[in-house]
N, C-alpha and C. Protein backbone atom coordinates (compact mmCIF):
# COMPACT_ATOMS: atom_id res chain seq x y z
N MET A 1 3.97 -5.09 -21.76
CA MET A 1 3.71 -4.36 -20.89
C MET A 1 2.68 -3.21 -20.90
N LYS A 2 1.90 -2.93 -20.00
CA LYS A 2 0.57 -1.91 -20.24
C LYS A 2 0.96 -0.49 -19.91
N ALA A 3 2.06 -0.45 -19.14
CA ALA A 3 2.35 1.02 -18.76
C ALA A 3 2.80 1.72 -19.89
N LYS A 4 2.61 3.19 -19.85
CA LYS A 4 3.30 4.06 -20.96
C LYS A 4 4.64 4.06 -21.31
N LYS A 5 5.02 3.11 -22.34
CA LYS A 5 6.49 3.13 -22.59
C LYS A 5 7.22 3.94 -22.58
N ASN A 6 6.62 5.41 -23.40
CA ASN A 6 7.53 6.29 -23.43
C ASN A 6 7.78 6.80 -22.22
N ASN A 7 6.85 6.95 -21.19
CA ASN A 7 7.08 7.76 -20.18
C ASN A 7 8.22 6.84 -19.45
N ILE A 8 7.81 5.30 -19.05
CA ILE A 8 8.98 4.78 -18.15
C ILE A 8 10.10 4.62 -19.13
N THR A 9 10.23 4.60 -20.45
CA THR A 9 11.78 4.93 -20.89
C THR A 9 12.42 6.16 -20.52
N HIS A 10 11.59 7.10 -20.68
CA HIS A 10 12.15 8.57 -20.25
C HIS A 10 12.96 8.42 -18.68
N LYS A 11 11.87 8.07 -17.84
CA LYS A 11 12.66 7.92 -16.47
C LYS A 11 13.75 7.12 -16.16
N ILE A 12 13.78 5.77 -16.83
CA ILE A 12 15.09 4.77 -17.11
C ILE A 12 15.97 5.58 -17.42
N LYS A 13 15.88 6.48 -18.70
CA LYS A 13 16.94 7.20 -19.18
C LYS A 13 17.59 8.18 -18.28
N ILE A 14 16.73 8.92 -17.70
CA ILE A 14 17.20 10.01 -16.62
C ILE A 14 17.83 9.28 -15.53
N ALA A 15 17.31 7.86 -14.85
CA ALA A 15 18.01 7.33 -13.98
C ALA A 15 19.44 6.96 -14.40
N GLN A 16 19.68 6.35 -15.57
CA GLN A 16 20.84 5.93 -16.29
C GLN A 16 21.71 7.05 -16.47
N GLY A 17 21.08 8.18 -16.60
CA GLY A 17 22.09 9.59 -16.64
C GLY A 17 22.49 9.85 -15.21
N GLN A 18 21.87 9.67 -14.48
CA GLN A 18 22.18 9.82 -13.02
C GLN A 18 23.04 9.11 -12.59
N LEU A 19 22.90 7.95 -12.63
CA LEU A 19 23.87 6.96 -12.41
C LEU A 19 25.50 7.15 -12.95
N THR A 20 25.40 7.39 -14.00
CA THR A 20 26.47 8.00 -14.69
C THR A 20 27.32 9.09 -13.89
N GLY A 21 26.35 9.97 -13.88
CA GLY A 21 26.86 11.14 -13.16
C GLY A 21 27.53 10.88 -11.83
N ILE A 22 26.73 9.96 -10.98
CA ILE A 22 27.25 9.77 -9.69
C ILE A 22 28.48 8.81 -9.70
N LEU A 23 28.50 7.99 -10.74
CA LEU A 23 29.93 7.28 -11.03
C LEU A 23 30.95 8.48 -10.96
N GLN A 24 30.60 9.42 -11.78
CA GLN A 24 31.88 10.43 -12.24
C GLN A 24 31.97 11.29 -10.84
N MET A 25 31.07 11.32 -9.98
CA MET A 25 31.08 12.13 -8.67
C MET A 25 32.14 11.15 -7.84
N ILE A 26 31.97 9.90 -8.21
CA ILE A 26 32.76 9.12 -7.10
C ILE A 26 34.15 8.95 -7.67
N GLU A 27 34.46 9.09 -8.75
CA GLU A 27 35.82 9.14 -9.22
C GLU A 27 36.36 10.61 -9.17
N ASP A 28 35.70 11.57 -9.07
CA ASP A 28 36.00 12.84 -8.70
C ASP A 28 36.11 13.12 -7.33
N ASP A 29 36.04 12.27 -6.53
CA ASP A 29 36.14 12.26 -5.20
C ASP A 29 35.33 13.40 -4.39
N ARG A 30 34.25 13.32 -5.03
CA ARG A 30 33.17 14.61 -4.60
C ARG A 30 32.51 14.40 -3.36
N TYR A 31 32.02 15.47 -2.53
CA TYR A 31 31.51 15.45 -1.25
C TYR A 31 30.45 14.34 -1.07
N CYS A 32 30.51 13.49 -0.13
CA CYS A 32 29.57 12.42 0.07
C CYS A 32 28.27 12.79 0.21
N VAL A 33 27.85 13.75 0.79
CA VAL A 33 26.51 14.11 0.94
C VAL A 33 25.82 14.54 -0.55
N ASP A 34 26.51 15.21 -1.16
CA ASP A 34 26.23 15.43 -2.72
C ASP A 34 26.00 13.94 -3.41
N ILE A 35 26.77 13.17 -3.31
CA ILE A 35 26.71 11.80 -3.93
C ILE A 35 25.49 11.21 -3.27
N SER A 36 25.40 11.40 -2.05
CA SER A 36 24.04 10.55 -1.43
C SER A 36 22.75 11.28 -1.97
N ASN A 37 22.69 12.55 -2.09
CA ASN A 37 21.58 13.14 -2.63
C ASN A 37 21.40 12.50 -4.06
N GLN A 38 22.51 12.68 -4.80
CA GLN A 38 22.26 11.96 -6.01
C GLN A 38 21.78 10.95 -6.25
N LEU A 39 21.98 9.78 -5.42
CA LEU A 39 21.78 8.26 -5.07
C LEU A 39 20.13 8.24 -4.73
N LEU A 40 19.78 9.16 -3.75
CA LEU A 40 18.40 9.40 -3.56
C LEU A 40 17.60 9.69 -4.41
N ALA A 41 18.05 10.55 -5.51
CA ALA A 41 17.31 11.10 -6.65
C ALA A 41 16.92 9.93 -7.64
N ALA A 42 18.24 9.35 -7.90
CA ALA A 42 18.06 8.00 -8.83
C ALA A 42 17.17 6.89 -8.32
N GLN A 43 16.98 6.89 -6.88
CA GLN A 43 16.10 5.57 -6.46
C GLN A 43 14.77 6.23 -6.57
N ALA A 44 14.56 7.46 -6.27
CA ALA A 44 13.16 8.05 -6.40
C ALA A 44 12.47 7.80 -7.82
N ILE A 45 13.50 8.21 -8.88
CA ILE A 45 12.67 8.09 -10.32
C ILE A 45 12.59 6.71 -10.56
N LEU A 46 13.40 5.69 -10.22
CA LEU A 46 13.15 4.36 -10.46
C LEU A 46 12.11 3.72 -9.54
N LYS A 47 11.88 4.31 -8.33
CA LYS A 47 10.72 3.87 -7.77
C LYS A 47 9.49 4.42 -8.38
N SER A 48 9.40 5.52 -8.87
CA SER A 48 8.26 6.14 -9.59
C SER A 48 7.87 5.12 -10.89
N ALA A 49 9.09 5.02 -11.63
CA ALA A 49 8.82 4.14 -12.72
C ALA A 49 8.06 2.55 -12.29
N ASN A 50 8.69 2.14 -11.30
CA ASN A 50 8.04 0.89 -11.01
C ASN A 50 6.95 0.96 -10.26
N GLN A 51 6.43 1.99 -9.49
CA GLN A 51 5.01 2.25 -9.22
C GLN A 51 3.93 2.23 -10.69
N GLN A 52 4.46 3.17 -11.65
CA GLN A 52 3.67 3.19 -12.87
C GLN A 52 3.32 1.90 -13.48
N ILE A 53 4.47 1.05 -13.59
CA ILE A 53 4.57 -0.33 -14.18
C ILE A 53 3.55 -1.34 -13.28
N LEU A 54 3.73 -1.20 -12.06
CA LEU A 54 2.54 -1.89 -11.04
C LEU A 54 1.32 -1.53 -11.06
N GLN A 55 1.14 -0.24 -11.22
CA GLN A 55 -0.17 0.10 -11.42
C GLN A 55 -0.95 0.01 -12.76
N ALA A 56 -0.25 -0.14 -13.65
CA ALA A 56 -0.64 -0.41 -15.19
C ALA A 56 -0.97 -2.18 -15.26
N HIS A 57 0.23 -2.78 -14.31
CA HIS A 57 -0.24 -4.17 -14.33
C HIS A 57 -1.53 -4.60 -13.54
N ILE A 58 -1.78 -3.86 -12.37
CA ILE A 58 -2.80 -4.19 -11.58
C ILE A 58 -4.20 -3.88 -12.36
N ARG A 59 -4.07 -2.81 -12.91
CA ARG A 59 -5.25 -2.20 -13.80
C ARG A 59 -5.67 -3.15 -14.76
N ASN A 60 -4.81 -3.59 -15.50
CA ASN A 60 -4.90 -4.51 -16.82
C ASN A 60 -4.95 -5.86 -16.45
N CYS A 61 -3.57 -6.31 -16.43
CA CYS A 61 -3.38 -7.72 -16.39
C CYS A 61 -4.18 -8.45 -14.98
N VAL A 62 -4.07 -7.94 -13.71
CA VAL A 62 -4.70 -8.61 -12.77
C VAL A 62 -6.05 -8.29 -12.72
N SER A 63 -6.67 -7.26 -13.33
CA SER A 63 -8.05 -7.11 -13.32
C SER A 63 -8.79 -7.92 -14.34
N GLU A 64 -8.27 -8.16 -15.39
CA GLU A 64 -8.53 -9.15 -16.35
C GLU A 64 -8.48 -10.63 -15.97
N ALA A 65 -7.63 -10.98 -15.02
CA ALA A 65 -7.23 -12.27 -14.43
C ALA A 65 -8.47 -12.42 -13.60
N LEU A 66 -8.88 -11.22 -12.50
CA LEU A 66 -9.72 -11.62 -11.72
C LEU A 66 -11.19 -11.86 -12.27
N LYS A 67 -11.33 -11.39 -13.43
CA LYS A 67 -12.74 -11.49 -14.05
C LYS A 67 -12.97 -13.11 -14.49
N THR A 68 -11.72 -13.97 -14.48
CA THR A 68 -12.03 -15.44 -14.95
C THR A 68 -11.93 -16.33 -13.70
N ASP A 69 -11.03 -15.84 -12.63
CA ASP A 69 -10.65 -16.82 -11.57
C ASP A 69 -10.33 -15.73 -10.39
N ALA A 70 -11.22 -15.83 -9.11
CA ALA A 70 -10.91 -15.03 -7.99
C ALA A 70 -9.51 -15.40 -7.45
N GLU A 71 -8.95 -16.65 -7.64
CA GLU A 71 -7.73 -17.06 -7.23
C GLU A 71 -6.75 -17.21 -8.12
N ASN A 72 -6.56 -16.32 -8.90
CA ASN A 72 -5.38 -16.30 -9.98
C ASN A 72 -4.31 -16.07 -9.84
N PRO A 73 -3.25 -16.87 -10.37
CA PRO A 73 -1.82 -16.53 -9.95
C PRO A 73 -1.26 -15.08 -10.19
N LYS A 74 -1.84 -14.32 -11.24
CA LYS A 74 -1.88 -13.27 -11.30
C LYS A 74 -1.69 -12.15 -10.06
N LEU A 75 -2.87 -12.41 -9.56
CA LEU A 75 -2.94 -11.80 -8.04
C LEU A 75 -2.06 -11.91 -7.18
N GLU A 76 -1.65 -13.14 -6.94
CA GLU A 76 -0.83 -13.59 -6.13
C GLU A 76 0.82 -13.15 -6.39
N GLU A 77 0.88 -12.97 -7.59
CA GLU A 77 2.11 -12.28 -8.27
C GLU A 77 2.28 -10.82 -7.92
N ALA A 78 1.19 -9.99 -8.15
CA ALA A 78 1.17 -8.73 -7.80
C ALA A 78 1.21 -8.22 -6.34
N LEU A 79 0.52 -9.39 -5.57
CA LEU A 79 0.71 -9.26 -3.93
C LEU A 79 2.29 -9.28 -3.48
N LYS A 80 2.87 -10.35 -4.15
CA LYS A 80 4.28 -10.52 -3.78
C LYS A 80 5.24 -9.32 -4.44
N LEU A 81 4.74 -8.93 -5.27
CA LEU A 81 5.59 -7.42 -5.75
C LEU A 81 5.42 -6.40 -4.78
N LEU A 82 4.02 -6.26 -4.22
CA LEU A 82 3.89 -5.29 -3.36
C LEU A 82 4.36 -5.39 -2.12
N GLU A 83 4.67 -6.80 -1.65
CA GLU A 83 5.19 -7.12 -0.24
C GLU A 83 6.68 -6.53 -0.31
N LYS A 84 7.25 -6.96 -1.61
CA LYS A 84 8.91 -6.54 -1.93
C LYS A 84 9.00 -4.95 -1.69
N MET A 85 8.10 -4.15 -2.41
CA MET A 85 8.24 -2.74 -2.34
C MET A 85 8.00 -2.11 -0.83
N ALA A 86 7.24 -2.86 -0.07
CA ALA A 86 7.14 -2.57 1.36
C ALA A 86 8.33 -2.48 2.12
N GLN A 87 9.25 -3.41 1.76
CA GLN A 87 10.41 -4.00 2.60
C GLN A 87 11.37 -2.63 2.51
């Protein structure tokens, strides 16, 4: 992985803590909107981590692959990931 591992790890740990908190909120029968807001926050940080990983992948792996072959599988792989993110 070419992305900054410390940064990504930090974000994933934050999301993990958020999910643990959300489970506790559900068990405590907390207000639905509060739970939903926490779910949105967890999704946002995971999306941010994913974007960083994909940006680093495109800047490094895909860029290198394109130098050797314009129709490289790495490019197709990156394009498919971008399609998934757009859904």
